[in-house]
N, C-alpha and C. Protein backbone atom coordinates (compact mmCIF):
# COMPACT_ATOMS: atom_id res chain seq x y z
N MET A 1 119.34 112.63 97.81
CA MET A 1 119.63 111.64 98.80
C MET A 1 120.10 110.36 98.14
N THR A 2 120.40 110.35 96.89
CA THR A 2 120.82 109.13 96.22
C THR A 2 122.01 108.52 96.94
N THR A 3 121.91 107.22 97.20
CA THR A 3 123.01 106.48 97.81
C THR A 3 123.18 105.20 97.01
N GLU A 4 124.26 104.50 97.28
CA GLU A 4 124.46 103.22 96.61
C GLU A 4 123.35 102.29 97.07
N TYR A 5 122.73 101.60 96.13
CA TYR A 5 121.53 100.82 96.42
C TYR A 5 121.72 99.41 95.91
N ASP A 6 121.43 98.44 96.75
CA ASP A 6 121.52 97.03 96.38
C ASP A 6 120.13 96.45 96.43
N GLU A 7 119.55 96.14 95.28
CA GLU A 7 118.17 95.69 95.25
C GLU A 7 117.97 94.28 95.79
N LEU A 8 119.05 93.57 96.10
CA LEU A 8 118.92 92.23 96.65
C LEU A 8 119.10 92.20 98.17
N SER A 9 119.61 93.25 98.75
CA SER A 9 119.95 93.27 100.17
C SER A 9 118.92 94.06 100.98
N ILE A 10 118.77 93.64 102.23
CA ILE A 10 117.97 94.44 103.16
C ILE A 10 118.85 94.92 104.32
N SER A 11 120.15 94.78 104.13
CA SER A 11 121.11 95.25 105.14
C SER A 11 121.19 96.77 105.11
N SER A 12 121.65 97.33 106.22
CA SER A 12 121.78 98.78 106.33
C SER A 12 122.82 99.33 105.36
N LEU A 13 122.50 100.49 104.83
CA LEU A 13 123.45 101.26 104.02
C LEU A 13 124.15 102.26 104.93
N PRO A 14 125.29 102.77 104.53
CA PRO A 14 126.04 103.71 105.38
C PRO A 14 125.25 104.91 105.89
N ILE A 15 124.31 105.42 105.10
CA ILE A 15 123.54 106.59 105.54
C ILE A 15 122.78 106.32 106.85
N ALA A 16 122.44 105.05 107.10
CA ALA A 16 121.69 104.69 108.31
C ALA A 16 122.44 105.03 109.59
N SER A 17 123.75 105.15 109.50
CA SER A 17 124.53 105.46 110.70
C SER A 17 125.18 106.84 110.65
N GLU A 18 124.77 107.65 109.68
CA GLU A 18 125.29 109.02 109.61
C GLU A 18 124.57 109.90 110.64
N LYS A 19 125.36 110.59 111.44
CA LYS A 19 124.83 111.39 112.54
C LYS A 19 123.78 112.39 112.08
N ALA A 20 124.03 113.10 111.01
CA ALA A 20 123.09 114.12 110.53
C ALA A 20 121.75 113.50 110.13
N PHE A 21 121.81 112.34 109.47
CA PHE A 21 120.58 111.68 109.05
C PHE A 21 119.81 111.15 110.26
N ILE A 22 120.52 110.59 111.22
CA ILE A 22 119.87 110.09 112.44
C ILE A 22 119.17 111.23 113.17
N GLU A 23 119.82 112.39 113.26
CA GLU A 23 119.21 113.56 113.90
C GLU A 23 117.97 114.02 113.12
N GLN A 24 118.07 114.00 111.79
CA GLN A 24 116.94 114.42 110.96
C GLN A 24 115.74 113.49 111.18
N VAL A 25 115.97 112.19 111.17
CA VAL A 25 114.90 111.21 111.41
C VAL A 25 114.34 111.37 112.82
N SER A 26 115.22 111.53 113.78
CA SER A 26 114.81 111.62 115.20
C SER A 26 113.90 112.81 115.47
N ARG A 27 114.03 113.87 114.69
CA ARG A 27 113.16 115.05 114.86
C ARG A 27 111.70 114.70 114.62
N PHE A 28 111.45 113.61 113.89
CA PHE A 28 110.08 113.21 113.55
C PHE A 28 109.57 112.05 114.41
N PHE A 29 110.33 111.65 115.41
CA PHE A 29 109.89 110.61 116.33
C PHE A 29 108.57 111.02 116.96
N VAL A 30 107.65 110.09 117.10
CA VAL A 30 106.35 110.39 117.68
C VAL A 30 106.35 109.98 119.15
N ASP A 31 106.24 110.97 120.01
CA ASP A 31 106.17 110.73 121.45
C ASP A 31 104.72 110.42 121.80
N PRO A 32 104.44 109.21 122.28
CA PRO A 32 103.05 108.84 122.57
C PRO A 32 102.42 109.68 123.69
N GLU A 33 103.23 110.40 124.44
CA GLU A 33 102.72 111.25 125.53
C GLU A 33 102.53 112.70 125.08
N SER A 34 102.84 113.00 123.84
CA SER A 34 102.77 114.37 123.35
C SER A 34 101.33 114.87 123.25
N ASP A 35 101.16 116.16 123.55
CA ASP A 35 99.86 116.79 123.37
C ASP A 35 99.50 116.90 121.89
N ALA A 36 100.50 116.80 121.04
CA ALA A 36 100.29 116.92 119.59
C ALA A 36 100.27 115.55 118.90
N LEU A 37 99.96 114.49 119.65
CA LEU A 37 100.01 113.13 119.10
C LEU A 37 99.15 112.99 117.85
N THR A 38 97.93 113.44 117.89
CA THR A 38 97.05 113.31 116.72
C THR A 38 97.62 114.04 115.52
N ASP A 39 98.15 115.22 115.73
CA ASP A 39 98.75 115.98 114.62
C ASP A 39 99.95 115.24 114.04
N MET A 40 100.77 114.65 114.90
CA MET A 40 101.93 113.90 114.42
C MET A 40 101.49 112.65 113.66
N GLN A 41 100.43 112.00 114.11
CA GLN A 41 99.91 110.83 113.41
C GLN A 41 99.37 111.22 112.04
N ARG A 42 98.64 112.30 111.98
CA ARG A 42 98.12 112.78 110.69
C ARG A 42 99.26 113.16 109.77
N ASP A 43 100.25 113.83 110.32
CA ASP A 43 101.42 114.21 109.54
C ASP A 43 102.12 112.96 109.00
N GLY A 44 102.25 111.94 109.83
CA GLY A 44 102.90 110.71 109.40
C GLY A 44 102.14 110.00 108.31
N ALA A 45 100.82 109.88 108.48
CA ALA A 45 100.00 109.20 107.47
C ALA A 45 100.06 109.94 106.14
N THR A 46 99.95 111.26 106.20
CA THR A 46 100.04 112.07 104.98
C THR A 46 101.42 111.94 104.34
N ALA A 47 102.45 111.90 105.16
CA ALA A 47 103.82 111.78 104.64
C ALA A 47 104.02 110.45 103.92
N VAL A 48 103.42 109.38 104.41
CA VAL A 48 103.55 108.08 103.75
C VAL A 48 102.97 108.16 102.33
N ILE A 49 101.77 108.73 102.21
CA ILE A 49 101.12 108.87 100.90
C ILE A 49 101.95 109.79 99.99
N ASP A 50 102.40 110.91 100.55
CA ASP A 50 103.21 111.85 99.77
C ASP A 50 104.51 111.22 99.29
N LEU A 51 105.16 110.46 100.17
CA LEU A 51 106.42 109.83 99.78
C LEU A 51 106.20 108.78 98.70
N ALA A 52 105.13 108.02 98.80
CA ALA A 52 104.86 107.01 97.76
C ALA A 52 104.66 107.70 96.40
N ALA A 53 103.94 108.80 96.39
CA ALA A 53 103.73 109.54 95.14
C ALA A 53 105.05 110.09 94.61
N GLU A 54 105.86 110.60 95.51
CA GLU A 54 107.15 111.14 95.11
C GLU A 54 108.10 110.01 94.69
N PHE A 55 108.05 108.90 95.42
CA PHE A 55 108.93 107.77 95.11
C PHE A 55 108.62 107.19 93.73
N GLU A 56 107.35 107.23 93.36
CA GLU A 56 106.98 106.75 92.03
C GLU A 56 107.65 107.58 90.94
N LYS A 57 107.79 108.87 91.17
CA LYS A 57 108.41 109.77 90.19
C LYS A 57 109.93 109.79 90.28
N TYR A 58 110.46 109.87 91.51
CA TYR A 58 111.88 110.15 91.70
C TYR A 58 112.69 109.01 92.31
N GLY A 59 112.02 108.00 92.81
CA GLY A 59 112.74 106.87 93.40
C GLY A 59 113.66 107.31 94.52
N LEU A 60 114.91 106.88 94.45
CA LEU A 60 115.89 107.16 95.50
C LEU A 60 116.21 108.65 95.63
N ASP A 61 115.83 109.42 94.63
CA ASP A 61 116.08 110.86 94.68
C ASP A 61 114.91 111.65 95.27
N SER A 62 114.03 110.95 95.98
CA SER A 62 112.91 111.63 96.64
C SER A 62 113.43 112.58 97.71
N ASN A 63 112.59 113.52 98.09
CA ASN A 63 112.93 114.56 99.06
C ASN A 63 113.46 113.94 100.36
N PRO A 64 114.72 114.24 100.72
CA PRO A 64 115.31 113.65 101.93
C PRO A 64 114.56 113.99 103.21
N ASP A 65 113.97 115.19 103.28
CA ASP A 65 113.21 115.56 104.48
C ASP A 65 111.95 114.70 104.59
N LEU A 66 111.31 114.45 103.46
CA LEU A 66 110.11 113.62 103.46
C LEU A 66 110.46 112.17 103.81
N VAL A 67 111.57 111.69 103.32
CA VAL A 67 112.05 110.34 103.66
C VAL A 67 112.27 110.24 105.18
N ALA A 68 112.96 111.22 105.74
CA ALA A 68 113.22 111.24 107.18
C ALA A 68 111.92 111.36 107.97
N ARG A 69 111.00 112.15 107.48
CA ARG A 69 109.69 112.33 108.15
C ARG A 69 108.96 110.98 108.22
N VAL A 70 108.92 110.26 107.12
CA VAL A 70 108.22 108.96 107.11
C VAL A 70 108.89 107.99 108.08
N ILE A 71 110.20 107.88 108.00
CA ILE A 71 110.91 106.96 108.89
C ILE A 71 110.65 107.32 110.35
N GLY A 72 110.74 108.58 110.68
CA GLY A 72 110.52 109.01 112.06
C GLY A 72 109.08 108.84 112.52
N ARG A 73 108.13 109.19 111.69
CA ARG A 73 106.71 109.09 112.06
C ARG A 73 106.25 107.65 112.19
N LEU A 74 106.91 106.73 111.49
CA LEU A 74 106.56 105.31 111.61
C LEU A 74 106.87 104.76 112.99
N SER A 75 107.49 105.55 113.84
CA SER A 75 107.70 105.14 115.24
C SER A 75 106.36 105.02 115.97
N ASP A 76 105.30 105.59 115.39
CA ASP A 76 103.97 105.49 115.98
C ASP A 76 103.23 104.31 115.36
N ILE A 77 102.63 103.49 116.20
CA ILE A 77 101.94 102.28 115.74
C ILE A 77 100.77 102.61 114.82
N GLN A 78 100.05 103.69 115.09
CA GLN A 78 98.92 104.05 114.22
C GLN A 78 99.41 104.44 112.82
N VAL A 79 100.51 105.16 112.76
CA VAL A 79 101.07 105.53 111.46
C VAL A 79 101.53 104.27 110.73
N ARG A 80 102.19 103.37 111.46
CA ARG A 80 102.63 102.10 110.85
C ARG A 80 101.44 101.31 110.35
N ASP A 81 100.38 101.22 111.16
CA ASP A 81 99.20 100.47 110.73
C ASP A 81 98.52 101.13 109.54
N PHE A 82 98.53 102.45 109.50
CA PHE A 82 98.01 103.16 108.33
C PHE A 82 98.83 102.77 107.10
N ALA A 83 100.15 102.80 107.24
CA ALA A 83 101.04 102.47 106.12
C ALA A 83 100.83 101.04 105.64
N LEU A 84 100.49 100.16 106.54
CA LEU A 84 100.25 98.75 106.21
C LEU A 84 99.16 98.60 105.16
N GLY A 85 98.19 99.50 105.18
CA GLY A 85 97.06 99.37 104.26
C GLY A 85 97.08 100.31 103.07
N THR A 86 98.17 100.99 102.84
CA THR A 86 98.17 102.02 101.79
C THR A 86 98.41 101.51 100.38
N HIS A 87 99.03 100.37 100.23
CA HIS A 87 99.30 99.91 98.86
C HIS A 87 98.15 99.05 98.33
N ASN A 88 98.07 99.02 97.02
CA ASN A 88 97.12 98.16 96.34
C ASN A 88 97.84 97.51 95.16
N THR A 89 97.12 96.81 94.32
CA THR A 89 97.77 96.11 93.21
C THR A 89 98.50 97.07 92.29
N GLU A 90 97.91 98.22 92.04
CA GLU A 90 98.53 99.18 91.12
C GLU A 90 99.78 99.84 91.73
N SER A 91 99.78 100.05 93.03
CA SER A 91 100.90 100.76 93.66
C SER A 91 101.89 99.81 94.32
N PHE A 92 101.68 98.50 94.22
CA PHE A 92 102.50 97.53 94.93
C PHE A 92 103.99 97.72 94.65
N GLU A 93 104.37 97.85 93.39
CA GLU A 93 105.79 97.97 93.04
C GLU A 93 106.42 99.24 93.60
N THR A 94 105.67 100.32 93.60
CA THR A 94 106.19 101.57 94.18
C THR A 94 106.44 101.38 95.67
N TYR A 95 105.47 100.81 96.37
CA TYR A 95 105.65 100.59 97.80
C TYR A 95 106.75 99.56 98.06
N TRP A 96 106.85 98.55 97.22
CA TRP A 96 107.90 97.55 97.37
C TRP A 96 109.27 98.23 97.34
N LYS A 97 109.49 99.05 96.33
CA LYS A 97 110.77 99.74 96.19
C LYS A 97 110.99 100.74 97.33
N MET A 98 109.92 101.43 97.72
CA MET A 98 110.05 102.44 98.79
C MET A 98 110.40 101.79 100.12
N TRP A 99 109.62 100.77 100.54
CA TRP A 99 109.92 100.13 101.82
C TRP A 99 111.26 99.42 101.78
N HIS A 100 111.60 98.86 100.63
CA HIS A 100 112.89 98.19 100.50
C HIS A 100 114.03 99.18 100.72
N TYR A 101 113.93 100.33 100.11
CA TYR A 101 114.96 101.35 100.29
C TYR A 101 114.99 101.85 101.74
N LEU A 102 113.80 102.11 102.30
CA LEU A 102 113.76 102.64 103.67
C LEU A 102 114.28 101.64 104.70
N ILE A 103 114.09 100.36 104.48
CA ILE A 103 114.63 99.37 105.43
C ILE A 103 116.16 99.43 105.42
N GLN A 104 116.73 99.81 104.29
CA GLN A 104 118.19 99.87 104.18
C GLN A 104 118.76 101.15 104.79
N ILE A 105 117.97 102.21 104.84
CA ILE A 105 118.52 103.48 105.33
C ILE A 105 118.02 103.86 106.72
N ALA A 106 117.07 103.12 107.26
CA ALA A 106 116.53 103.45 108.58
C ALA A 106 117.60 103.30 109.65
N PRO A 107 117.75 104.31 110.50
CA PRO A 107 118.71 104.22 111.60
C PRO A 107 118.26 103.20 112.66
N VAL A 108 119.20 102.74 113.44
CA VAL A 108 118.90 101.85 114.55
C VAL A 108 117.81 102.51 115.41
N GLY A 109 116.85 101.70 115.82
CA GLY A 109 115.73 102.21 116.60
C GLY A 109 114.54 102.59 115.75
N PHE A 110 114.73 102.64 114.43
CA PHE A 110 113.65 102.99 113.51
C PHE A 110 113.43 101.91 112.45
N VAL A 111 114.13 100.80 112.56
CA VAL A 111 114.08 99.74 111.54
C VAL A 111 112.82 98.88 111.66
N ALA A 112 112.43 98.52 112.86
CA ALA A 112 111.36 97.53 113.05
C ALA A 112 110.06 97.84 112.30
N PRO A 113 109.53 99.06 112.38
CA PRO A 113 108.28 99.30 111.66
C PRO A 113 108.42 99.10 110.15
N ILE A 114 109.51 99.58 109.60
CA ILE A 114 109.72 99.46 108.16
C ILE A 114 109.98 98.01 107.77
N ALA A 115 110.74 97.31 108.59
CA ALA A 115 111.02 95.90 108.30
C ALA A 115 109.74 95.08 108.31
N THR A 116 108.82 95.38 109.21
CA THR A 116 107.57 94.63 109.23
C THR A 116 106.70 94.98 108.02
N LEU A 117 106.72 96.25 107.63
CA LEU A 117 105.97 96.65 106.43
C LEU A 117 106.52 95.93 105.19
N PHE A 118 107.84 95.91 105.08
CA PHE A 118 108.46 95.24 103.93
C PHE A 118 108.19 93.74 103.98
N ALA A 119 108.20 93.17 105.18
CA ALA A 119 107.92 91.74 105.33
C ALA A 119 106.53 91.39 104.81
N THR A 120 105.55 92.26 105.07
CA THR A 120 104.20 91.97 104.59
C THR A 120 104.14 91.98 103.07
N LEU A 121 104.85 92.90 102.45
CA LEU A 121 104.87 92.91 100.99
C LEU A 121 105.59 91.68 100.44
N ALA A 122 106.68 91.30 101.07
CA ALA A 122 107.40 90.10 100.63
C ALA A 122 106.49 88.88 100.75
N TYR A 123 105.75 88.79 101.84
CA TYR A 123 104.83 87.68 102.05
C TYR A 123 103.73 87.68 100.98
N GLU A 124 103.15 88.85 100.73
CA GLU A 124 102.11 88.96 99.71
C GLU A 124 102.65 88.65 98.32
N ARG A 125 103.92 88.91 98.11
CA ARG A 125 104.56 88.64 96.82
C ARG A 125 104.91 87.15 96.69
N GLY A 126 104.86 86.43 97.79
CA GLY A 126 105.18 85.01 97.75
C GLY A 126 106.61 84.69 98.10
N ASP A 127 107.36 85.68 98.59
CA ASP A 127 108.76 85.48 98.96
C ASP A 127 108.85 85.34 100.48
N THR A 128 108.42 84.19 100.98
CA THR A 128 108.40 83.96 102.43
C THR A 128 109.80 84.02 103.04
N PRO A 129 110.85 83.48 102.40
CA PRO A 129 112.18 83.62 103.00
C PRO A 129 112.59 85.09 103.21
N LEU A 130 112.30 85.94 102.24
CA LEU A 130 112.61 87.37 102.39
C LEU A 130 111.74 87.98 103.49
N ALA A 131 110.50 87.56 103.58
CA ALA A 131 109.61 88.06 104.64
C ALA A 131 110.23 87.74 106.01
N TYR A 132 110.71 86.51 106.18
CA TYR A 132 111.34 86.13 107.46
C TYR A 132 112.64 86.88 107.70
N ARG A 133 113.43 87.10 106.66
CA ARG A 133 114.67 87.89 106.83
C ARG A 133 114.34 89.30 107.28
N SER A 134 113.27 89.85 106.74
CA SER A 134 112.84 91.19 107.14
C SER A 134 112.40 91.20 108.60
N LEU A 135 111.71 90.16 109.01
CA LEU A 135 111.32 90.06 110.42
C LEU A 135 112.54 89.90 111.31
N ASP A 136 113.56 89.22 110.82
CA ASP A 136 114.81 89.11 111.58
C ASP A 136 115.44 90.49 111.78
N ARG A 137 115.38 91.34 110.75
CA ARG A 137 115.90 92.72 110.89
C ARG A 137 115.09 93.47 111.94
N ALA A 138 113.77 93.28 111.91
CA ALA A 138 112.91 93.95 112.89
C ALA A 138 113.24 93.48 114.30
N THR A 139 113.44 92.19 114.46
CA THR A 139 113.76 91.63 115.78
C THR A 139 115.10 92.13 116.28
N ALA A 140 116.07 92.24 115.40
CA ALA A 140 117.39 92.75 115.80
C ALA A 140 117.28 94.19 116.28
N ASP A 141 116.36 94.95 115.69
CA ASP A 141 116.18 96.35 116.05
C ASP A 141 115.34 96.50 117.31
N ALA A 142 114.30 95.70 117.44
CA ALA A 142 113.37 95.80 118.58
C ALA A 142 112.86 94.39 118.90
N PRO A 143 113.56 93.68 119.78
CA PRO A 143 113.24 92.27 120.03
C PRO A 143 111.79 91.97 120.41
N MET A 144 111.11 92.87 121.05
CA MET A 144 109.74 92.60 121.50
C MET A 144 108.69 93.37 120.67
N TYR A 145 109.04 93.78 119.47
CA TYR A 145 108.13 94.54 118.62
C TYR A 145 106.91 93.67 118.31
N SER A 146 105.75 94.11 118.71
CA SER A 146 104.54 93.28 118.68
C SER A 146 104.15 92.82 117.27
N LEU A 147 104.29 93.68 116.27
CA LEU A 147 103.90 93.27 114.92
C LEU A 147 104.84 92.18 114.39
N THR A 148 106.09 92.23 114.77
CA THR A 148 107.02 91.17 114.34
C THR A 148 106.56 89.83 114.89
N ILE A 149 106.21 89.81 116.15
CA ILE A 149 105.76 88.57 116.79
C ILE A 149 104.48 88.06 116.12
N LEU A 150 103.54 88.95 115.86
CA LEU A 150 102.29 88.58 115.21
C LEU A 150 102.55 88.04 113.79
N LEU A 151 103.39 88.73 113.04
CA LEU A 151 103.65 88.31 111.66
C LEU A 151 104.37 86.96 111.61
N ARG A 152 105.24 86.70 112.54
CA ARG A 152 105.88 85.37 112.59
C ARG A 152 104.82 84.27 112.74
N ARG A 153 103.82 84.54 113.58
CA ARG A 153 102.74 83.56 113.75
C ARG A 153 101.91 83.42 112.47
N VAL A 154 101.59 84.55 111.86
CA VAL A 154 100.79 84.53 110.62
C VAL A 154 101.54 83.79 109.52
N PHE A 155 102.79 84.16 109.29
CA PHE A 155 103.55 83.52 108.22
C PHE A 155 103.77 82.04 108.51
N GLY A 156 104.03 81.72 109.77
CA GLY A 156 104.28 80.34 110.17
C GLY A 156 103.04 79.46 110.07
N SER A 157 101.87 80.07 110.15
CA SER A 157 100.63 79.29 110.09
C SER A 157 100.29 78.88 108.65
N GLY A 158 100.99 79.49 107.70
CA GLY A 158 100.69 79.19 106.31
C GLY A 158 99.43 79.89 105.81
N TRP A 159 99.01 80.93 106.54
CA TRP A 159 97.84 81.68 106.13
C TRP A 159 98.06 82.20 104.72
N PRO A 160 97.15 82.00 103.81
CA PRO A 160 97.35 82.44 102.42
C PRO A 160 97.59 83.95 102.33
N ALA A 161 98.52 84.31 101.48
CA ALA A 161 98.86 85.73 101.31
C ALA A 161 97.63 86.54 100.89
N ALA A 162 96.78 85.97 100.06
CA ALA A 162 95.58 86.69 99.62
C ALA A 162 94.65 86.98 100.79
N ALA A 163 94.53 86.05 101.71
CA ALA A 163 93.68 86.27 102.89
C ALA A 163 94.29 87.35 103.78
N PHE A 164 95.61 87.33 103.91
CA PHE A 164 96.29 88.35 104.70
C PHE A 164 96.06 89.73 104.07
N ALA A 165 96.21 89.82 102.74
CA ALA A 165 96.00 91.09 102.04
C ALA A 165 94.56 91.57 102.22
N ALA A 166 93.61 90.67 102.15
CA ALA A 166 92.20 91.04 102.33
C ALA A 166 91.96 91.60 103.72
N MET A 167 92.54 90.97 104.74
CA MET A 167 92.40 91.46 106.11
C MET A 167 93.03 92.84 106.26
N ARG A 168 94.19 93.02 105.67
CA ARG A 168 94.90 94.29 105.73
C ARG A 168 94.05 95.39 105.08
N ILE A 169 93.47 95.10 103.94
CA ILE A 169 92.64 96.07 103.22
C ILE A 169 91.37 96.38 104.01
N GLU A 170 90.79 95.37 104.65
CA GLU A 170 89.57 95.56 105.44
C GLU A 170 89.82 96.45 106.66
N LEU A 171 91.00 96.34 107.27
CA LEU A 171 91.31 97.13 108.46
C LEU A 171 91.69 98.58 108.15
N HIS A 172 92.15 98.83 106.94
CA HIS A 172 92.68 100.17 106.60
C HIS A 172 91.68 101.31 106.84
N PRO A 173 90.42 101.19 106.44
CA PRO A 173 89.48 102.32 106.71
C PRO A 173 89.33 102.60 108.21
N LYS A 174 89.38 101.57 109.04
CA LYS A 174 89.25 101.78 110.49
C LYS A 174 90.47 102.53 111.03
N VAL A 175 91.65 102.17 110.57
CA VAL A 175 92.87 102.86 111.01
C VAL A 175 92.84 104.31 110.51
N THR A 176 92.44 104.50 109.26
CA THR A 176 92.36 105.84 108.68
C THR A 176 91.39 106.71 109.48
N ALA A 177 90.25 106.15 109.81
CA ALA A 177 89.26 106.90 110.60
C ALA A 177 89.81 107.27 111.98
N GLY A 178 90.57 106.36 112.59
CA GLY A 178 91.16 106.62 113.89
C GLY A 178 92.14 107.78 113.87
N ILE A 179 92.80 107.97 112.74
CA ILE A 179 93.78 109.06 112.61
C ILE A 179 93.13 110.37 112.17
N PHE A 180 92.22 110.30 111.21
CA PHE A 180 91.71 111.52 110.58
C PHE A 180 90.34 111.97 111.08
N ASP A 181 89.62 111.14 111.81
CA ASP A 181 88.29 111.56 112.28
C ASP A 181 88.34 112.11 113.68
């Protein structure tokens, strides 16, 4: 799945508008009314962890089906919230590169969750302007996306990044339990 990659940009890459890729991602969309909702949430959470492990080894050459699965499954708020708490100090760079790449390749309608995830990492890294640009991408994709609105308030309040990270880490076991228990 290697594509031309710009490590300074969060703009869409051409693959984001390729019909075959959009169809592949759309197959993993999580329908909140589905009888298989819990299974799709578990699949999404597992896919996030699997992709991070694969991304650490292969980077942009990670399994395209797994990439599409993560992007599609992030359409579910529980999967997104699970992903919010998956990185730590040791894995930060892997997740930084992964979310950065996914924000560039996510098709329209699938950008907001990834953009908010990347915004949180940018904020924790101390790059508030990039965090806001990421939120702008999320807003362009889904103007009323609730996490975008919340993060704008958090970032605008000047809440310390370390306090935000601590809150994110504290909530992760609860989100994990909600998906896997």
